C-alpha atoms as a PDB file:
ATOM      1  CA  UNK A   1      17.813   8.240  -1.526  1.00  0.00           C
ATOM      2  CA  UNK A   2      15.263   5.510   0.640  1.00  0.00           C
ATOM      3  CA  UNK A   3      11.978   6.270  -1.415  1.00  0.00           C
ATOM      4  CA  UNK A   4       8.579   6.961   0.544  1.00  0.00           C
ATOM      5  CA  UNK A   5       7.138   3.612   0.028  1.00  0.00           C
ATOM      6  CA  UNK A   6       9.838   2.250   1.579  1.00  0.00           C
ATOM      7  CA  UNK A   7       9.641   4.578   4.846  1.00  0.00           C
ATOM      8  CA  UNK A   8       5.824   4.427   4.737  1.00  0.00           C
ATOM      9  CA  UNK A   9       6.119   0.203   5.099  1.00  0.00           C
ATOM     10  CA  UNK A  10       9.270   1.150   8.020  1.00  0.00           C
ATOM     11  CA  UNK A  11       6.732   3.329   9.882  1.00  0.00           C
ATOM     12  CA  UNK A  12       3.309   1.547   9.403  1.00  0.00           C
ATOM     13  CA  UNK A  13       5.057  -2.149  10.606  1.00  0.00           C
ATOM     14  CA  UNK A  14       6.774  -0.362  13.214  1.00  0.00           C
ATOM     15  CA  UNK A  15      10.573  -1.856  11.962  1.00  0.00           C
ATOM     16  CA  UNK A  16      13.777  -0.963  13.943  1.00  0.00           C
ATOM     17  CA  UNK A  17      15.794   0.738  11.206  1.00  0.00           C
ATOM     18  CA  UNK A  18      19.440   1.371  11.712  1.00  0.00           C
ATOM     19  CA  UNK A  19      20.668   4.272   9.363  1.00  0.00           C
ATOM     20  CA  UNK A  20      24.379   4.042   8.242  1.00  0.00           C
ATOM     21  CA  UNK A  21      25.618   7.631   8.304  1.00  0.00           C
ATOM     22  CA  UNK A  22      29.363   7.018   7.921  1.00  0.00           C
ATOM     23  CA  UNK A  23      31.866   4.275   7.901  1.00  0.00           C
ATOM     24  CA  UNK A  24      32.147   3.642  11.423  1.00  0.00           C
ATOM     25  CA  UNK A  25      29.705   1.016  12.773  1.00  0.00           C
ATOM     26  CA  UNK A  26      29.877   2.831  15.748  1.00  0.00           C
ATOM     27  CA  UNK A  27      27.472   6.263  14.521  1.00  0.00           C
ATOM     28  CA  UNK A  28      24.803   4.114  13.115  1.00  0.00           C
ATOM     29  CA  UNK A  29      21.546   4.948  14.434  1.00  0.00           C
ATOM     30  CA  UNK A  30      18.729   2.652  15.713  1.00  0.00           C
ATOM     31  CA  UNK A  31      15.570   3.566  16.183  1.00  0.00           C
ATOM     32  CA  UNK A  32      11.522   3.832  14.615  1.00  0.00           C
ATOM     33  CA  UNK A  33      10.416   5.790  11.764  1.00  0.00           C
ATOM     34  CA  UNK A  34       8.133   9.284  12.691  1.00  0.00           C
ATOM     35  CA  UNK A  35       8.104  11.127   9.734  1.00  0.00           C
ATOM     36  CA  UNK A  36       9.979  12.601   6.836  1.00  0.00           C
ATOM     37  CA  UNK A  37       9.191  15.121   3.825  1.00  0.00           C
ATOM     38  CA  UNK A  38      11.725  15.654   1.332  1.00  0.00           C
ATOM     39  CA  UNK A  39      15.048  16.831   2.637  1.00  0.00           C
ATOM     40  CA  UNK A  40      15.148  14.362   6.303  1.00  0.00           C
ATOM     41  CA  UNK A  41      13.799  11.704   8.384  1.00  0.00           C
ATOM     42  CA  UNK A  42      12.692  11.804  12.287  1.00  0.00           C
ATOM     43  CA  UNK A  43      13.867   8.209  13.875  1.00  0.00           C
ATOM     44  CA  UNK A  44      13.166   7.882  17.854  1.00  0.00           C
ATOM     45  CA  UNK A  45      15.995   6.107  19.175  1.00  0.00           C
ATOM     46  CA  UNK A  46      14.869   3.251  21.647  1.00  0.00           C
ATOM     47  CA  UNK A  47      15.690   5.891  24.581  1.00  0.00           C
ATOM     48  CA  UNK A  48      12.935   7.972  23.272  1.00  0.00           C
ATOM     49  CA  UNK A  49      15.570  10.604  21.809  1.00  0.00           C
ATOM     50  CA  UNK A  50      14.368  11.591  18.713  1.00  0.00           C
ATOM     51  CA  UNK A  51      16.539  12.606  15.713  1.00  0.00           C
ATOM     52  CA  UNK A  52      16.151  14.765  12.066  1.00  0.00           C
ATOM     53  CA  UNK A  53      18.613  12.814   9.842  1.00  0.00           C
ATOM     54  CA  UNK A  54      19.417  13.669   6.099  1.00  0.00           C
ATOM     55  CA  UNK A  55      17.068  11.790   4.048  1.00  0.00           C
ATOM     56  CA  UNK A  56      19.986  10.373   1.909  1.00  0.00           C
ATOM     57  CA  UNK A  57      22.001   8.342   4.126  1.00  0.00           C
ATOM     58  CA  UNK A  58      21.586   4.336   3.539  1.00  0.00           C
ATOM     59  CA  UNK A  59      18.086   3.317   5.615  1.00  0.00           C
ATOM     60  CA  UNK A  60      18.013  -0.340   6.099  1.00  0.00           C
ATOM     61  CA  UNK A  61      15.660  -3.076   8.505  1.00  0.00           C
ATOM     62  CA  UNK A  62      18.136  -3.113  11.434  1.00  0.00           C
ATOM     63  CA  UNK A  63      17.272  -6.783  11.453  1.00  0.00           C
ATOM     64  CA  UNK A  64      19.352  -7.537   8.067  1.00  0.00           C
ATOM     65  CA  UNK A  65      23.247  -7.824   8.942  1.00  0.00           C
ATOM     66  CA  UNK A  66      25.421  -4.311   8.299  1.00  0.00           C
ATOM     67  CA  UNK A  67      27.234  -4.452   4.521  1.00  0.00           C
ATOM     68  CA  UNK A  68      30.854  -4.344   4.544  1.00  0.00           C
ATOM     69  CA  UNK A  69      30.599  -2.189   1.624  1.00  0.00           C
ATOM     70  CA  UNK A  70      29.171   0.515   1.587  1.00  0.00           C
ATOM     71  CA  UNK A  71      28.548   3.562  -1.194  1.00  0.00           C
ATOM     72  CA  UNK A  72      28.217   6.444   1.162  1.00  0.00           C
END
């Protein structure tokens, strides 16, 4: 699970993040962190839609390459 400190850093800097939900890269979500609580994270996609995602997903900076092997 991603820490509050990492989420706050992404939010304050306005860093674009990649949320890896499963093994298929096409299902990744790219967006900006808006808010979070103990269970969920709000992400604003580039088309301005807002998604409420589980906090247990893998969150990376969008600049980082997607890992080949993901521990889901």
